[in-house]
Amino acid sequence: MKKIPRSSISGLYVVTPDERDTAELLRRVRLALQGGAQFVQYRNKLADAELRLDQAGELRGLTREFAATFVVNDDARLAARVDADGVHLGRGDGSVVATRALLGANKLIGVSCYNQLDLARQAKREGADYLAFGAFFASAVKPNAPVASLELLREARLQLSLPIVAIGGITLDNSASVLAAGASALAVISAVFSADDIEQTARQFSALADK
């Protein structure tokens, strides 16, 4: 299996909501994919290990149907079990080097760098495939998240030759500013999955990100 190219890390990157009902989760993610989401990160802080395995496996199948990239949040072993395209690491989730040893050379590894360029530089040195910064705006999911500035995003784009994912309170109204500052992809949770029309909202995000 060939590694997904870093250049494909772009457009709308949806992060799943905390949803215990697997059928409902799949319904909502399917709508986002129909709307053009190119990247799905499975994240569920409420699920136990059994439910996480079930949901991740189901999402792996769904994302293959749409030829979308699929990564698992936090858990490299779960990513390996369901043959995800990779994993997304936050603070305390292990090093890129150890994760690469577990997953192999052909899997994607993304790293949350919050508002710290030093973390991003370290992640790049260790072999990360993409970097995530945020929160850029007030986030309902993580109200106490560190605040990242658009200037930080500009600096990261100038200094680091890796795709950059922007996350945190991103909406249709403010997404243009993070794209202009250098984001390769828009990571969105609530603005897509809490929308009245998930598919149409995803389509609008995708159109903005693909300009």
C-alpha atoms as a PDB file:
ATOM      1  CA  MET A   1       0.000   0.000   0.000  1.00  0.00           C
ATOM      2  CA  LYS A   2       1.403   3.334  -1.061  1.00  0.00           C
ATOM      3  CA  LYS A   3       1.534   6.223   1.335  1.00  0.00           C
ATOM      4  CA  ILE A   4      -1.022   8.957   0.759  1.00  0.00           C
ATOM      5  CA  PRO A   5       0.892  11.986  -0.514  1.00  0.00           C
ATOM      6  CA  ARG A   6       1.219  14.939   1.827  1.00  0.00           C
ATOM      7  CA  SER A   7      -0.054  17.176  -0.961  1.00  0.00           C
ATOM      8  CA  SER A   8      -3.483  15.540  -0.589  1.00  0.00           C
ATOM      9  CA  ILE A   9      -3.871  16.979   2.929  1.00  0.00           C
ATOM     10  CA  SER A  10      -6.090  19.842   1.895  1.00  0.00           C
ATOM     11  CA  GLY A  11      -9.683  20.992   1.708  1.00  0.00           C
ATOM     12  CA  LEU A  12     -12.282  20.114   4.320  1.00  0.00           C
ATOM     13  CA  TYR A  13     -10.956  17.958   7.183  1.00  0.00           C
ATOM     14  CA  VAL A  14     -13.848  16.850   9.389  1.00  0.00           C
ATOM     15  CA  VAL A  15     -13.358  15.652  12.966  1.00  0.00           C
ATOM     16  CA  THR A  16     -16.128  13.417  14.232  1.00  0.00           C
ATOM     17  CA  PRO A  17     -18.340  14.502  17.145  1.00  0.00           C
ATOM     18  CA  ASP A  18     -18.725  12.478  20.358  1.00  0.00           C
ATOM     19  CA  GLU A  19     -21.561  10.241  19.174  1.00  0.00           C
ATOM     20  CA  ARG A  20     -22.378   6.915  20.861  1.00  0.00           C
ATOM     21  CA  ASP A  21     -24.906   5.858  18.224  1.00  0.00           C
ATOM     22  CA  THR A  22     -22.789   4.321  15.468  1.00  0.00           C
ATOM     23  CA  ALA A  23     -25.556   4.427  12.868  1.00  0.00           C
ATOM     24  CA  GLU A  24     -26.110   8.125  13.550  1.00  0.00           C
ATOM     25  CA  LEU A  25     -22.379   8.804  13.391  1.00  0.00           C
ATOM     26  CA  LEU A  26     -22.123   7.062  10.026  1.00  0.00           C
ATOM     27  CA  ARG A  27     -25.150   8.945   8.705  1.00  0.00           C
ATOM     28  CA  ARG A  28     -23.634  12.288   9.601  1.00  0.00           C
ATOM     29  CA  VAL A  29     -20.172  11.463   8.278  1.00  0.00           C
ATOM     30  CA  ARG A  30     -21.660  10.156   5.038  1.00  0.00           C
ATOM     31  CA  LEU A  31     -23.405  13.493   4.527  1.00  0.00           C
ATOM     32  CA  ALA A  32     -20.132  15.351   5.104  1.00  0.00           C
ATOM     33  CA  LEU A  33     -18.368  13.118   2.587  1.00  0.00           C
ATOM     34  CA  GLN A  34     -21.159  13.645   0.070  1.00  0.00           C
ATOM     35  CA  GLY A  35     -20.556  17.351   0.572  1.00  0.00           C
ATOM     36  CA  GLY A  36     -16.903  17.012  -0.359  1.00  0.00           C
ATOM     37  CA  ALA A  37     -14.997  16.358   2.867  1.00  0.00           C
ATOM     38  CA  GLN A  38     -11.671  14.856   1.854  1.00  0.00           C
ATOM     39  CA  PHE A  39     -10.271  13.917   5.253  1.00  0.00           C
ATOM     40  CA  VAL A  40     -11.967  12.332   8.278  1.00  0.00           C
ATOM     41  CA  GLN A  41     -10.495  12.108  11.756  1.00  0.00           C
ATOM     42  CA  TYR A  42     -12.249   9.732  14.140  1.00  0.00           C
ATOM     43  CA  ARG A  43     -12.433  11.239  17.604  1.00  0.00           C
ATOM     44  CA  ASN A  44     -14.807  10.074  20.339  1.00  0.00           C
ATOM     45  CA  LYS A  45     -13.917  10.934  23.915  1.00  0.00           C
ATOM     46  CA  LEU A  46     -17.087   9.317  25.321  1.00  0.00           C
ATOM     47  CA  ALA A  47     -16.729   5.841  23.826  1.00  0.00           C
ATOM     48  CA  ASP A  48     -15.184   2.816  25.492  1.00  0.00           C
ATOM     49  CA  ALA A  49     -12.574   0.685  23.721  1.00  0.00           C
ATOM     50  CA  GLU A  50     -15.114  -1.724  22.210  1.00  0.00           C
ATOM     51  CA  LEU A  51     -17.262   1.049  20.762  1.00  0.00           C
ATOM     52  CA  ARG A  52     -14.214   2.902  19.467  1.00  0.00           C
ATOM     53  CA  LEU A  53     -13.064  -0.218  17.629  1.00  0.00           C
ATOM     54  CA  ASP A  54     -16.506  -0.739  16.119  1.00  0.00           C
ATOM     55  CA  GLN A  55     -16.930   2.881  15.062  1.00  0.00           C
ATOM     56  CA  ALA A  56     -13.415   3.213  13.675  1.00  0.00           C
ATOM     57  CA  GLY A  57     -13.854   0.045  11.647  1.00  0.00           C
ATOM     58  CA  GLU A  58     -17.167   1.226  10.214  1.00  0.00           C
ATOM     59  CA  LEU A  59     -15.717   4.628   9.354  1.00  0.00           C
ATOM     60  CA  ARG A  60     -12.757   2.971   7.667  1.00  0.00           C
ATOM     61  CA  GLY A  61     -15.151   1.240   5.317  1.00  0.00           C
ATOM     62  CA  LEU A  62     -17.180   4.383   4.701  1.00  0.00           C
ATOM     63  CA  THR A  63     -14.161   6.547   3.912  1.00  0.00           C
ATOM     64  CA  ARG A  64     -12.893   3.940   1.460  1.00  0.00           C
ATOM     65  CA  GLU A  65     -16.242   4.150  -0.336  1.00  0.00           C
ATOM     66  CA  PHE A  66     -15.575   7.867  -0.905  1.00  0.00           C
ATOM     67  CA  ALA A  67     -11.785   7.543  -1.420  1.00  0.00           C
ATOM     68  CA  ALA A  68     -11.322   9.889   1.539  1.00  0.00           C
ATOM     69  CA  THR A  69      -8.348   9.878   3.905  1.00  0.00           C
ATOM     70  CA  PHE A  70      -9.066   8.437   7.351  1.00  0.00           C
ATOM     71  CA  VAL A  71      -7.034   8.933  10.523  1.00  0.00           C
ATOM     72  CA  VAL A  72      -7.669   8.058  14.160  1.00  0.00           C
ATOM     73  CA  ASN A  73      -7.236  10.593  16.933  1.00  0.00           C
ATOM     74  CA  ASP A  74      -4.785   9.766  19.729  1.00  0.00           C
ATOM     75  CA  ASP A  75      -4.656   5.986  19.357  1.00  0.00           C
ATOM     76  CA  ALA A  76      -2.010   4.550  17.015  1.00  0.00           C
ATOM     77  CA  ARG A  77      -2.849   0.968  17.977  1.00  0.00           C
ATOM     78  CA  LEU A  78      -6.487   1.473  17.052  1.00  0.00           C
ATOM     79  CA  ALA A  79      -5.386   3.066  13.772  1.00  0.00           C
ATOM     80  CA  ALA A  80      -3.302  -0.032  13.040  1.00  0.00           C
ATOM     81  CA  ARG A  81      -6.152  -2.437  13.919  1.00  0.00           C
ATOM     82  CA  VAL A  82      -8.596  -0.862  11.465  1.00  0.00           C
ATOM     83  CA  ASP A  83      -5.951  -0.126   8.812  1.00  0.00           C
ATOM     84  CA  ALA A  84      -6.569   3.612   8.965  1.00  0.00           C
ATOM     85  CA  ASP A  85      -4.487   5.845   6.741  1.00  0.00           C
ATOM     86  CA  GLY A  86      -2.795   7.217   9.835  1.00  0.00           C
ATOM     87  CA  VAL A  87      -3.093   8.767  13.260  1.00  0.00           C
ATOM     88  CA  HIS A  88      -3.308  12.231  14.737  1.00  0.00           C
ATOM     89  CA  LEU A  89      -1.214  12.806  17.863  1.00  0.00           C
ATOM     90  CA  GLY A  90      -1.930  15.345  20.572  1.00  0.00           C
ATOM     91  CA  ARG A  91       0.058  16.223  23.659  1.00  0.00           C
ATOM     92  CA  GLY A  92       0.848  13.064  25.611  1.00  0.00           C
ATOM     93  CA  ASP A  93      -0.070  10.635  22.817  1.00  0.00           C
ATOM     94  CA  GLY A  94       3.487   9.464  22.188  1.00  0.00           C
ATOM     95  CA  SER A  95       6.309  10.561  19.931  1.00  0.00           C
ATOM     96  CA  VAL A  96       6.283  10.607  16.161  1.00  0.00           C
ATOM     97  CA  VAL A  97       9.302   8.285  16.152  1.00  0.00           C
ATOM     98  CA  ALA A  98       7.603   5.623  18.312  1.00  0.00           C
ATOM     99  CA  THR A  99       4.372   5.943  16.341  1.00  0.00           C
ATOM    100  CA  ARG A 100       6.223   5.538  13.048  1.00  0.00           C
ATOM    101  CA  ALA A 101       7.863   2.379  14.377  1.00  0.00           C
ATOM    102  CA  LEU A 102       4.405   0.993  15.184  1.00  0.00           C
ATOM    103  CA  LEU A 103       2.552   2.042  12.035  1.00  0.00           C
ATOM    104  CA  GLY A 104       5.286   1.854   9.423  1.00  0.00           C
ATOM    105  CA  ALA A 105       6.506   4.221   6.747  1.00  0.00           C
ATOM    106  CA  ASN A 106       3.318   4.336   4.670  1.00  0.00           C
ATOM    107  CA  LYS A 107       0.941   5.761   7.272  1.00  0.00           C
ATOM    108  CA  LEU A 108       0.270   9.445   7.858  1.00  0.00           C
ATOM    109  CA  ILE A 109       1.147  11.029  11.189  1.00  0.00           C
ATOM    110  CA  GLY A 110      -0.313  14.404  12.093  1.00  0.00           C
ATOM    111  CA  VAL A 111       0.654  16.338  15.190  1.00  0.00           C
ATOM    112  CA  SER A 112      -1.221  18.977  17.183  1.00  0.00           C
ATOM    113  CA  CYS A 113       1.124  21.914  17.755  1.00  0.00           C
ATOM    114  CA  TYR A 114      -1.456  24.207  19.393  1.00  0.00           C
ATOM    115  CA  ASN A 115       0.146  27.683  19.274  1.00  0.00           C
ATOM    116  CA  GLN A 116       3.777  26.598  19.485  1.00  0.00           C
ATOM    117  CA  LEU A 117       6.172  26.743  16.561  1.00  0.00           C
ATOM    118  CA  ASP A 118       8.800  24.870  18.571  1.00  0.00           C
ATOM    119  CA  LEU A 119       6.489  21.861  18.800  1.00  0.00           C
ATOM    120  CA  ALA A 120       5.963  22.052  15.057  1.00  0.00           C
ATOM    121  CA  ARG A 121       9.687  22.161  14.343  1.00  0.00           C
ATOM    122  CA  GLN A 122      10.240  19.148  16.560  1.00  0.00           C
ATOM    123  CA  ALA A 123       7.402  17.236  14.915  1.00  0.00           C
ATOM    124  CA  LYS A 124       8.852  17.955  11.494  1.00  0.00           C
ATOM    125  CA  ARG A 125      12.304  16.783  12.566  1.00  0.00           C
ATOM    126  CA  GLU A 126      10.795  13.541  13.855  1.00  0.00           C
ATOM    127  CA  GLY A 127       9.013  12.880  10.564  1.00  0.00           C
ATOM    128  CA  ALA A 128       5.453  14.184  10.929  1.00  0.00           C
ATOM    129  CA  ASP A 129       3.442  14.400   7.720  1.00  0.00           C
ATOM    130  CA  TYR A 130       1.284  17.363   8.677  1.00  0.00           C
ATOM    131  CA  LEU A 131       0.937  19.893  11.493  1.00  0.00           C
ATOM    132  CA  ALA A 132      -2.189  21.223  13.186  1.00  0.00           C
ATOM    133  CA  PHE A 133      -2.467  24.601  14.879  1.00  0.00           C
ATOM    134  CA  GLY A 134      -5.318  26.120  16.877  1.00  0.00           C
ATOM    135  CA  ALA A 135      -7.625  27.164  18.319  1.00  0.00           C
ATOM    136  CA  PHE A 136      -7.872  30.207  16.082  1.00  0.00           C
ATOM    137  CA  PHE A 137     -11.340  31.158  17.284  1.00  0.00           C
ATOM    138  CA  ALA A 138     -13.556  30.350  20.278  1.00  0.00           C
ATOM    139  CA  SER A 139     -14.342  26.639  20.237  1.00  0.00           C
ATOM    140  CA  ALA A 140     -17.431  25.014  21.717  1.00  0.00           C
ATOM    141  CA  VAL A 141     -15.676  21.626  21.730  1.00  0.00           C
ATOM    142  CA  LYS A 142     -12.559  22.883  23.525  1.00  0.00           C
ATOM    143  CA  PRO A 143     -13.464  26.184  25.212  1.00  0.00           C
ATOM    144  CA  ASN A 144     -10.156  26.333  27.114  1.00  0.00           C
ATOM    145  CA  ALA A 145      -7.915  25.514  24.169  1.00  0.00           C
ATOM    146  CA  PRO A 146      -4.746  27.605  23.686  1.00  0.00           C
ATOM    147  CA  VAL A 147      -5.303  30.518  21.332  1.00  0.00           C
ATOM    148  CA  ALA A 148      -3.324  30.563  18.090  1.00  0.00           C
ATOM    149  CA  SER A 149      -2.912  33.687  15.994  1.00  0.00           C
ATOM    150  CA  LEU A 150      -3.087  34.129  12.258  1.00  0.00           C
ATOM    151  CA  GLU A 151       0.437  35.545  12.446  1.00  0.00           C
ATOM    152  CA  LEU A 152       1.603  32.205  13.863  1.00  0.00           C
ATOM    153  CA  LEU A 153      -0.005  30.500  10.885  1.00  0.00           C
ATOM    154  CA  ARG A 154       1.825  32.814   8.488  1.00  0.00           C
ATOM    155  CA  GLU A 155       5.133  32.099  10.226  1.00  0.00           C
ATOM    156  CA  ALA A 156       4.507  28.357  10.117  1.00  0.00           C
ATOM    157  CA  ARG A 157       3.771  28.522   6.406  1.00  0.00           C
ATOM    158  CA  LEU A 158       7.021  30.408   5.786  1.00  0.00           C
ATOM    159  CA  GLN A 159       9.228  28.234   7.989  1.00  0.00           C
ATOM    160  CA  LEU A 160       7.814  24.708   7.667  1.00  0.00           C
ATOM    161  CA  SER A 161       7.361  22.877   4.399  1.00  0.00           C
ATOM    162  CA  LEU A 162       4.535  20.628   5.585  1.00  0.00           C
ATOM    163  CA  PRO A 163       0.756  20.798   5.149  1.00  0.00           C
ATOM    164  CA  ILE A 164      -0.912  22.823   7.888  1.00  0.00           C
ATOM    165  CA  VAL A 165      -4.343  22.074   9.317  1.00  0.00           C
ATOM    166  CA  ALA A 166      -6.158  24.890  11.098  1.00  0.00           C
ATOM    167  CA  ILE A 167      -8.634  23.990  13.837  1.00  0.00           C
ATOM    168  CA  GLY A 168     -10.707  25.663  16.525  1.00  0.00           C
ATOM    169  CA  GLY A 169     -13.952  27.547  16.084  1.00  0.00           C
ATOM    170  CA  ILE A 170     -13.709  27.631  12.294  1.00  0.00           C
ATOM    171  CA  THR A 171     -16.921  28.648  10.544  1.00  0.00           C
ATOM    172  CA  LEU A 172     -17.999  29.596   7.040  1.00  0.00           C
ATOM    173  CA  ASP A 173     -17.651  33.236   8.068  1.00  0.00           C
ATOM    174  CA  ASN A 174     -14.055  33.110   9.332  1.00  0.00           C
ATOM    175  CA  SER A 175     -12.489  30.301   7.307  1.00  0.00           C
ATOM    176  CA  ALA A 176     -11.237  32.597   4.556  1.00  0.00           C
ATOM    177  CA  SER A 177      -8.888  34.313   7.000  1.00  0.00           C
ATOM    178  CA  VAL A 178      -7.096  31.100   8.009  1.00  0.00           C
ATOM    179  CA  LEU A 179      -6.837  29.960   4.416  1.00  0.00           C
ATOM    180  CA  ALA A 180      -5.337  33.302   3.432  1.00  0.00           C
ATOM    181  CA  ALA A 181      -2.829  33.020   6.291  1.00  0.00           C
ATOM    182  CA  GLY A 182      -1.566  29.701   4.987  1.00  0.00           C
ATOM    183  CA  ALA A 183      -3.756  26.806   6.116  1.00  0.00           C
ATOM    184  CA  SER A 184      -3.783  23.826   3.776  1.00  0.00           C
ATOM    185  CA  ALA A 185      -6.940  22.349   5.294  1.00  0.00           C
ATOM    186  CA  LEU A 186      -9.828  23.403   7.518  1.00  0.00           C
ATOM    187  CA  ALA A 187     -10.519  21.088  10.460  1.00  0.00           C
ATOM    188  CA  VAL A 188     -14.143  21.424  11.493  1.00  0.00           C
ATOM    189  CA  ILE A 189     -16.381  19.673  14.008  1.00  0.00           C
ATOM    190  CA  SER A 190     -19.410  21.663  15.170  1.00  0.00           C
ATOM    191  CA  ALA A 191     -19.832  23.935  12.163  1.00  0.00           C
ATOM    192  CA  VAL A 192     -20.425  20.885   9.966  1.00  0.00           C
ATOM    193  CA  PHE A 193     -21.912  18.224  12.242  1.00  0.00           C
ATOM    194  CA  SER A 194     -24.238  20.579  14.134  1.00  0.00           C
ATOM    195  CA  ALA A 195     -25.508  22.196  10.941  1.00  0.00           C
ATOM    196  CA  ASP A 196     -29.137  21.776   9.901  1.00  0.00           C
ATOM    197  CA  ASP A 197     -27.914  20.627   6.483  1.00  0.00           C
ATOM    198  CA  ILE A 198     -24.607  18.798   6.942  1.00  0.00           C
ATOM    199  CA  GLU A 199     -24.096  17.992   3.274  1.00  0.00           C
ATOM    200  CA  GLN A 200     -24.710  21.525   2.049  1.00  0.00           C
ATOM    201  CA  THR A 201     -22.523  23.033   4.782  1.00  0.00           C
ATOM    202  CA  ALA A 202     -19.708  20.628   3.912  1.00  0.00           C
ATOM    203  CA  ARG A 203     -20.105  21.602   0.270  1.00  0.00           C
ATOM    204  CA  GLN A 204     -19.759  25.280   1.162  1.00  0.00           C
ATOM    205  CA  PHE A 205     -16.639  24.632   3.246  1.00  0.00           C
ATOM    206  CA  SER A 206     -15.173  22.515   0.488  1.00  0.00           C
ATOM    207  CA  ALA A 207     -15.749  25.236  -2.082  1.00  0.00           C
ATOM    208  CA  LEU A 208     -13.987  27.789   0.112  1.00  0.00           C
ATOM    209  CA  ALA A 209     -11.050  25.493   0.872  1.00  0.00           C
ATOM    210  CA  ASP A 210     -10.589  24.438  -2.723  1.00  0.00           C
ATOM    211  CA  LYS A 211     -10.356  27.961  -4.148  1.00  0.00           C
END
